[in-house]
PDB file of N, CA and C in Angstrom:
ATOM      1  N   MET A   1     -18.520  45.132 -26.245  1.00  0.00           N
ATOM      2  CA  MET A   1     -18.396  44.527 -24.938  1.00  0.00           C
ATOM      3  C   MET A   1     -17.877  43.099 -25.092  1.00  0.00           C
ATOM      4  N   LYS A   2     -16.963  42.717 -24.208  1.00  0.00           N
ATOM      5  CA  LYS A   2     -16.344  41.395 -24.268  1.00  0.00           C
ATOM      6  C   LYS A   2     -17.295  40.362 -23.673  1.00  0.00           C
ATOM      7  N   ASN A   3     -17.441  39.248 -24.376  1.00  0.00           N
ATOM      8  CA  ASN A   3     -18.317  38.169 -23.910  1.00  0.00           C
ATOM      9  C   ASN A   3     -17.481  37.207 -23.067  1.00  0.00           C
ATOM     10  N   ASN A   4     -17.701  37.174 -21.746  1.00  0.00           N
ATOM     11  CA  ASN A   4     -16.940  36.301 -20.845  1.00  0.00           C
ATOM     12  C   ASN A   4     -17.589  34.932 -20.786  1.00  0.00           C
ATOM     13  N   ARG A   5     -16.963  33.998 -21.454  1.00  0.00           N
ATOM     14  CA  ARG A   5     -17.447  32.618 -21.413  1.00  0.00           C
ATOM     15  C   ARG A   5     -16.307  31.758 -20.915  1.00  0.00           C
ATOM     16  N   GLY A   6     -16.623  30.783 -20.070  1.00  0.00           N
ATOM     17  CA  GLY A   6     -15.588  29.906 -19.545  1.00  0.00           C
ATOM     18  C   GLY A   6     -15.283  30.243 -18.098  1.00  0.00           C
ATOM     19  N   PHE A   7     -14.225  29.621 -17.613  1.00  0.00           N
ATOM     20  CA  PHE A   7     -13.850  29.772 -16.211  1.00  0.00           C
ATOM     21  C   PHE A   7     -12.553  30.555 -16.109  1.00  0.00           C
ATOM     22  N   SER A   8     -12.437  31.305 -15.040  1.00  0.00           N
ATOM     23  CA  SER A   8     -11.180  32.011 -14.800  1.00  0.00           C
ATOM     24  C   SER A   8     -10.192  31.057 -14.132  1.00  0.00           C
ATOM     25  N   LEU A   9      -8.940  31.438 -14.127  1.00  0.00           N
ATOM     26  CA  LEU A   9      -7.900  30.625 -13.510  1.00  0.00           C
ATOM     27  C   LEU A   9      -8.167  30.449 -12.022  1.00  0.00           C
ATOM     28  N   LEU A  10      -8.624  31.481 -11.372  1.00  0.00           N
ATOM     29  CA  LEU A  10      -8.917  31.408  -9.939  1.00  0.00           C
ATOM     30  C   LEU A  10     -10.027  30.396  -9.651  1.00  0.00           C
ATOM     31  N   GLU A  11     -11.060  30.387 -10.463  1.00  0.00           N
ATOM     32  CA  GLU A  11     -12.148  29.417 -10.267  1.00  0.00           C
ATOM     33  C   GLU A  11     -11.647  27.984 -10.441  1.00  0.00           C
ATOM     34  N   LEU A  12     -10.820  27.761 -11.439  1.00  0.00           N
ATOM     35  CA  LEU A  12     -10.263  26.423 -11.654  1.00  0.00           C
ATOM     36  C   LEU A  12      -9.371  25.997 -10.491  1.00  0.00           C
ATOM     37  N   LEU A  13      -8.560  26.903  -9.960  1.00  0.00           N
ATOM     38  CA  LEU A  13      -7.700  26.582  -8.822  1.00  0.00           C
ATOM     39  C   LEU A  13      -8.517  26.240  -7.582  1.00  0.00           C
ATOM     40  N   ILE A  14      -9.605  26.941  -7.370  1.00  0.00           N
ATOM     41  CA  ILE A  14     -10.474  26.655  -6.223  1.00  0.00           C
ATOM     42  C   ILE A  14     -11.089  25.270  -6.363  1.00  0.00           C
ATOM     43  N   VAL A  15     -11.549  24.920  -7.547  1.00  0.00           N
ATOM     44  CA  VAL A  15     -12.138  23.597  -7.774  1.00  0.00           C
ATOM     45  C   VAL A  15     -11.097  22.504  -7.554  1.00  0.00           C
ATOM     46  N   VAL A  16      -9.888  22.699  -8.052  1.00  0.00           N
ATOM     47  CA  VAL A  16      -8.822  21.713  -7.856  1.00  0.00           C
ATOM     48  C   VAL A  16      -8.499  21.574  -6.370  1.00  0.00           C
ATOM     49  N   ALA A  17      -8.458  22.680  -5.641  1.00  0.00           N
ATOM     50  CA  ALA A  17      -8.179  22.631  -4.204  1.00  0.00           C
ATOM     51  C   ALA A  17      -9.270  21.864  -3.463  1.00  0.00           C
ATOM     52  N   ILE A  18     -10.514  22.076  -3.824  1.00  0.00           N
ATOM     53  CA  ILE A  18     -11.624  21.359  -3.180  1.00  0.00           C
ATOM     54  C   ILE A  18     -11.520  19.864  -3.464  1.00  0.00           C
ATOM     55  N   ILE A  19     -11.206  19.501  -4.692  1.00  0.00           N
ATOM     56  CA  ILE A  19     -11.059  18.082  -5.043  1.00  0.00           C
ATOM     57  C   ILE A  19      -9.921  17.454  -4.250  1.00  0.00           C
ATOM     58  N   LEU A  20      -8.811  18.162  -4.094  1.00  0.00           N
ATOM     59  CA  LEU A  20      -7.684  17.638  -3.318  1.00  0.00           C
ATOM     60  C   LEU A  20      -8.046  17.457  -1.848  1.00  0.00           C
ATOM     61  N   ILE A  21      -8.802  18.375  -1.289  1.00  0.00           N
ATOM     62  CA  ILE A  21      -9.230  18.251   0.111  1.00  0.00           C
ATOM     63  C   ILE A  21     -10.127  17.033   0.281  1.00  0.00           C
ATOM     64  N   ILE A  22     -11.057  16.843  -0.621  1.00  0.00           N
ATOM     65  CA  ILE A  22     -11.951  15.677  -0.546  1.00  0.00           C
ATOM     66  C   ILE A  22     -11.151  14.388  -0.692  1.00  0.00           C
ATOM     67  N   ALA A  23     -10.191  14.356  -1.607  1.00  0.00           N
ATOM     68  CA  ALA A  23      -9.361  13.159  -1.799  1.00  0.00           C
ATOM     69  C   ALA A  23      -8.523  12.877  -0.558  1.00  0.00           C
ATOM     70  N   THR A  24      -8.011  13.918   0.072  1.00  0.00           N
ATOM     71  CA  THR A  24      -7.206  13.746   1.283  1.00  0.00           C
ATOM     72  C   THR A  24      -8.026  13.123   2.404  1.00  0.00           C
ATOM     73  N   ILE A  25      -9.281  13.456   2.467  1.00  0.00           N
ATOM     74  CA  ILE A  25     -10.160  12.895   3.501  1.00  0.00           C
ATOM     75  C   ILE A  25     -10.589  11.478   3.140  1.00  0.00           C
ATOM     76  N   ALA A  26     -10.881  11.218   1.884  1.00  0.00           N
ATOM     77  CA  ALA A  26     -11.480   9.944   1.476  1.00  0.00           C
ATOM     78  C   ALA A  26     -10.476   8.806   1.316  1.00  0.00           C
ATOM     79  N   ILE A  27      -9.286   9.072   0.842  1.00  0.00           N
ATOM     80  CA  ILE A  27      -8.340   7.999   0.513  1.00  0.00           C
ATOM     81  C   ILE A  27      -7.944   7.161   1.724  1.00  0.00           C
ATOM     82  N   PRO A  28      -7.585   7.737   2.866  1.00  0.00           N
ATOM     83  CA  PRO A  28      -7.242   6.882   4.017  1.00  0.00           C
ATOM     84  C   PRO A  28      -8.389   5.976   4.450  1.00  0.00           C
ATOM     85  N   SER A  29      -9.598   6.480   4.386  1.00  0.00           N
ATOM     86  CA  SER A  29     -10.759   5.669   4.746  1.00  0.00           C
ATOM     87  C   SER A  29     -10.923   4.498   3.788  1.00  0.00           C
ATOM     88  N   LEU A  30     -10.742   4.742   2.516  1.00  0.00           N
ATOM     89  CA  LEU A  30     -10.854   3.673   1.526  1.00  0.00           C
ATOM     90  C   LEU A  30      -9.762   2.628   1.707  1.00  0.00           C
ATOM     91  N   LEU A  31      -8.557   3.067   2.034  1.00  0.00           N
ATOM     92  CA  LEU A  31      -7.459   2.123   2.244  1.00  0.00           C
ATOM     93  C   LEU A  31      -7.708   1.255   3.474  1.00  0.00           C
ATOM     94  N   ARG A  32      -8.248   1.858   4.546  1.00  0.00           N
ATOM     95  CA  ARG A  32      -8.572   1.072   5.740  1.00  0.00           C
ATOM     96  C   ARG A  32      -9.657   0.054   5.431  1.00  0.00           C
ATOM     97  N   SER A  33     -10.647   0.448   4.664  1.00  0.00           N
ATOM     98  CA  SER A  33     -11.721  -0.475   4.301  1.00  0.00           C
ATOM     99  C   SER A  33     -11.186  -1.637   3.474  1.00  0.00           C
ATOM    100  N   ARG A  34     -10.289  -1.353   2.564  1.00  0.00           N
ATOM    101  CA  ARG A  34      -9.710  -2.405   1.723  1.00  0.00           C
ATOM    102  C   ARG A  34      -8.891  -3.379   2.562  1.00  0.00           C
ATOM    103  N   GLN A  35      -8.095  -2.861   3.486  1.00  0.00           N
ATOM    104  CA  GLN A  35      -7.289  -3.736   4.336  1.00  0.00           C
ATOM    105  C   GLN A  35      -8.183  -4.580   5.235  1.00  0.00           C
ATOM    106  N   SER A  36      -9.239  -3.996   5.749  1.00  0.00           N
ATOM    107  CA  SER A  36     -10.173  -4.747   6.585  1.00  0.00           C
ATOM    108  C   SER A  36     -10.824  -5.879   5.792  1.00  0.00           C
ATOM    109  N   ALA A  37     -11.172  -5.614   4.552  1.00  0.00           N
ATOM    110  CA  ALA A  37     -11.768  -6.652   3.706  1.00  0.00           C
ATOM    111  C   ALA A  37     -10.773  -7.775   3.430  1.00  0.00           C
ATOM    112  N   GLN A  38      -9.516  -7.425   3.202  1.00  0.00           N
ATOM    113  CA  GLN A  38      -8.498  -8.451   2.962  1.00  0.00           C
ATOM    114  C   GLN A  38      -8.269  -9.300   4.210  1.00  0.00           C
ATOM    115  N   GLU A  39      -8.283  -8.664   5.384  1.00  0.00           N
ATOM    116  CA  GLU A  39      -8.114  -9.416   6.628  1.00  0.00           C
ATOM    117  C   GLU A  39      -9.291 -10.359   6.858  1.00  0.00           C
ATOM    118  N   SER A  40     -10.495  -9.893   6.570  1.00  0.00           N
ATOM    119  CA  SER A  40     -11.676 -10.744   6.718  1.00  0.00           C
ATOM    120  C   SER A  40     -11.609 -11.939   5.776  1.00  0.00           C
ATOM    121  N   SER A  41     -11.133 -11.713   4.564  1.00  0.00           N
ATOM    122  CA  SER A  41     -10.985 -12.800   3.601  1.00  0.00           C
ATOM    123  C   SER A  41      -9.960 -13.820   4.084  1.00  0.00           C
ATOM    124  N   ALA A  42      -8.857 -13.353   4.644  1.00  0.00           N
ATOM    125  CA  ALA A  42      -7.829 -14.266   5.151  1.00  0.00           C
ATOM    126  C   ALA A  42      -8.361 -15.103   6.306  1.00  0.00           C
ATOM    127  N   VAL A  43      -9.115 -14.485   7.204  1.00  0.00           N
ATOM    128  CA  VAL A  43      -9.701 -15.220   8.332  1.00  0.00           C
ATOM    129  C   VAL A  43     -10.675 -16.277   7.820  1.00  0.00           C
ATOM    130  N   ALA A  44     -11.472 -15.934   6.820  1.00  0.00           N
ATOM    131  CA  ALA A  44     -12.420 -16.897   6.256  1.00  0.00           C
ATOM    132  C   ALA A  44     -11.692 -18.076   5.620  1.00  0.00           C
ATOM    133  N   GLN A  45     -10.584 -17.821   4.953  1.00  0.00           N
ATOM    134  CA  GLN A  45      -9.819 -18.902   4.333  1.00  0.00           C
ATOM    135  C   GLN A  45      -9.206 -19.821   5.382  1.00  0.00           C
ATOM    136  N   VAL A  46      -8.711 -19.250   6.475  1.00  0.00           N
ATOM    137  CA  VAL A  46      -8.153 -20.069   7.552  1.00  0.00           C
ATOM    138  C   VAL A  46      -9.245 -20.932   8.172  1.00  0.00           C
ATOM    139  N   ARG A  47     -10.427 -20.370   8.347  1.00  0.00           N
ATOM    140  CA  ARG A  47     -11.541 -21.152   8.895  1.00  0.00           C
ATOM    141  C   ARG A  47     -11.933 -22.285   7.954  1.00  0.00           C
ATOM    142  N   THR A  48     -11.890 -22.036   6.650  1.00  0.00           N
ATOM    143  CA  THR A  48     -12.208 -23.075   5.673  1.00  0.00           C
ATOM    144  C   THR A  48     -11.206 -24.220   5.751  1.00  0.00           C
ATOM    145  N   VAL A  49      -9.930 -23.890   5.856  1.00  0.00           N
ATOM    146  CA  VAL A  49      -8.901 -24.927   5.986  1.00  0.00           C
ATOM    147  C   VAL A  49      -9.104 -25.703   7.278  1.00  0.00           C
ATOM    148  N   ASN A  50      -9.412 -25.005   8.363  1.00  0.00           N
ATOM    149  CA  ASN A  50      -9.643 -25.666   9.643  1.00  0.00           C
ATOM    150  C   ASN A  50     -10.837 -26.619   9.558  1.00  0.00           C
ATOM    151  N   THR A  51     -11.905 -26.192   8.924  1.00  0.00           N
ATOM    152  CA  THR A  51     -13.081 -27.050   8.762  1.00  0.00           C
ATOM    153  C   THR A  51     -12.739 -28.283   7.936  1.00  0.00           C
ATOM    154  N   ALA A  52     -11.943 -28.106   6.882  1.00  0.00           N
ATOM    155  CA  ALA A  52     -11.531 -29.248   6.057  1.00  0.00           C
ATOM    156  C   ALA A  52     -10.686 -30.222   6.867  1.00  0.00           C
ATOM    157  N   GLN A  53      -9.815 -29.713   7.715  1.00  0.00           N
ATOM    158  CA  GLN A  53      -8.997 -30.590   8.560  1.00  0.00           C
ATOM    159  C   GLN A  53      -9.865 -31.374   9.542  1.00  0.00           C
ATOM    160  N   ILE A  54     -10.814 -30.713  10.151  1.00  0.00           N
ATOM    161  CA  ILE A  54     -11.700 -31.388  11.107  1.00  0.00           C
ATOM    162  C   ILE A  54     -12.526 -32.452  10.404  1.00  0.00           C
ATOM    163  N   THR A  55     -13.022 -32.144   9.212  1.00  0.00           N
ATOM    164  CA  THR A  55     -13.802 -33.113   8.447  1.00  0.00           C
ATOM    165  C   THR A  55     -12.948 -34.320   8.083  1.00  0.00           C
ATOM    166  N   TYR A  56     -11.726 -34.083   7.633  1.00  0.00           N
ATOM    167  CA  TYR A  56     -10.826 -35.182   7.283  1.00  0.00           C
ATOM    168  C   TYR A  56     -10.501 -36.019   8.514  1.00  0.00           C
ATOM    169  N   LEU A  57     -10.273 -35.367   9.630  1.00  0.00           N
ATOM    170  CA  LEU A  57      -9.944 -36.062  10.870  1.00  0.00           C
ATOM    171  C   LEU A  57     -11.087 -36.968  11.311  1.00  0.00           C
ATOM    172  N   SER A  58     -12.304 -36.466  11.226  1.00  0.00           N
ATOM    173  CA  SER A  58     -13.443 -37.279  11.655  1.00  0.00           C
ATOM    174  C   SER A  58     -13.738 -38.414  10.674  1.00  0.00           C
ATOM    175  N   SER A  59     -13.350 -38.265   9.427  1.00  0.00           N
ATOM    176  CA  SER A  59     -13.595 -39.304   8.429  1.00  0.00           C
ATOM    177  C   SER A  59     -12.519 -40.382   8.414  1.00  0.00           C
ATOM    178  N   ASN A  60     -11.401 -40.165   9.072  1.00  0.00           N
ATOM    179  CA  ASN A  60     -10.265 -41.087   9.000  1.00  0.00           C
ATOM    180  C   ASN A  60      -9.821 -41.569  10.377  1.00  0.00           C
ATOM    181  N   GLN A  61     -10.731 -42.029  11.155  1.00  0.00           N
ATOM    182  CA  GLN A  61     -10.481 -42.639  12.461  1.00  0.00           C
ATOM    183  C   GLN A  61      -9.583 -41.787  13.365  1.00  0.00           C
ATOM    184  N   GLY A  62      -9.760 -40.504  13.338  1.00  0.00           N
ATOM    185  CA  GLY A  62      -9.052 -39.632  14.262  1.00  0.00           C
ATOM    186  C   GLY A  62      -7.594 -39.406  13.969  1.00  0.00           C
ATOM    187  N   SER A  63      -7.154 -39.612  12.728  1.00  0.00           N
ATOM    188  CA  SER A  63      -5.746 -39.345  12.400  1.00  0.00           C
ATOM    189  C   SER A  63      -5.673 -38.410  11.197  1.00  0.00           C
ATOM    190  N   TYR A  64      -4.713 -37.531  11.276  1.00  0.00           N
ATOM    191  CA  TYR A  64      -4.498 -36.622  10.155  1.00  0.00           C
ATOM    192  C   TYR A  64      -3.773 -37.355   9.038  1.00  0.00           C
ATOM    193  N   GLY A  65      -3.988 -36.918   7.838  1.00  0.00           N
ATOM    194  CA  GLY A  65      -3.337 -37.542   6.700  1.00  0.00           C
ATOM    195  C   GLY A  65      -1.917 -37.051   6.525  1.00  0.00           C
ATOM    196  N   THR A  66      -1.200 -37.719   5.647  1.00  0.00           N
ATOM    197  CA  THR A  66       0.152 -37.295   5.290  1.00  0.00           C
ATOM    198  C   THR A  66       0.089 -36.590   3.948  1.00  0.00           C
ATOM    199  N   ILE A  67       1.205 -36.100   3.512  1.00  0.00           N
ATOM    200  CA  ILE A  67       1.244 -35.407   2.226  1.00  0.00           C
ATOM    201  C   ILE A  67       0.908 -36.370   1.096  1.00  0.00           C
ATOM    202  N   ALA A  68       1.290 -37.629   1.225  1.00  0.00           N
ATOM    203  CA  ALA A  68       1.025 -38.626   0.192  1.00  0.00           C
ATOM    204  C   ALA A  68      -0.472 -38.891   0.047  1.00  0.00           C
ATOM    205  N   GLU A  69      -1.218 -38.690   1.096  1.00  0.00           N
ATOM    206  CA  GLU A  69      -2.654 -38.948   1.022  1.00  0.00           C
ATOM    207  C   GLU A  69      -3.334 -37.747   0.428  1.00  0.00           C
TER     208      GLU A  69
END
């Protein structure tokens, strides 16, 4: 009697198909999350620059500095 050990080609194809379906569902969600995180980081950086400008303005008699300063 033949000892069947291992996976058949059909079983491997089914597993690959399931993995592809899961990847098709998950990848767009991950990309949206990454873009949202990058946008949040950009907004935080703009707020930091704005806060630095306001601080400089209040420390220098209400005038913005020049590039030389």
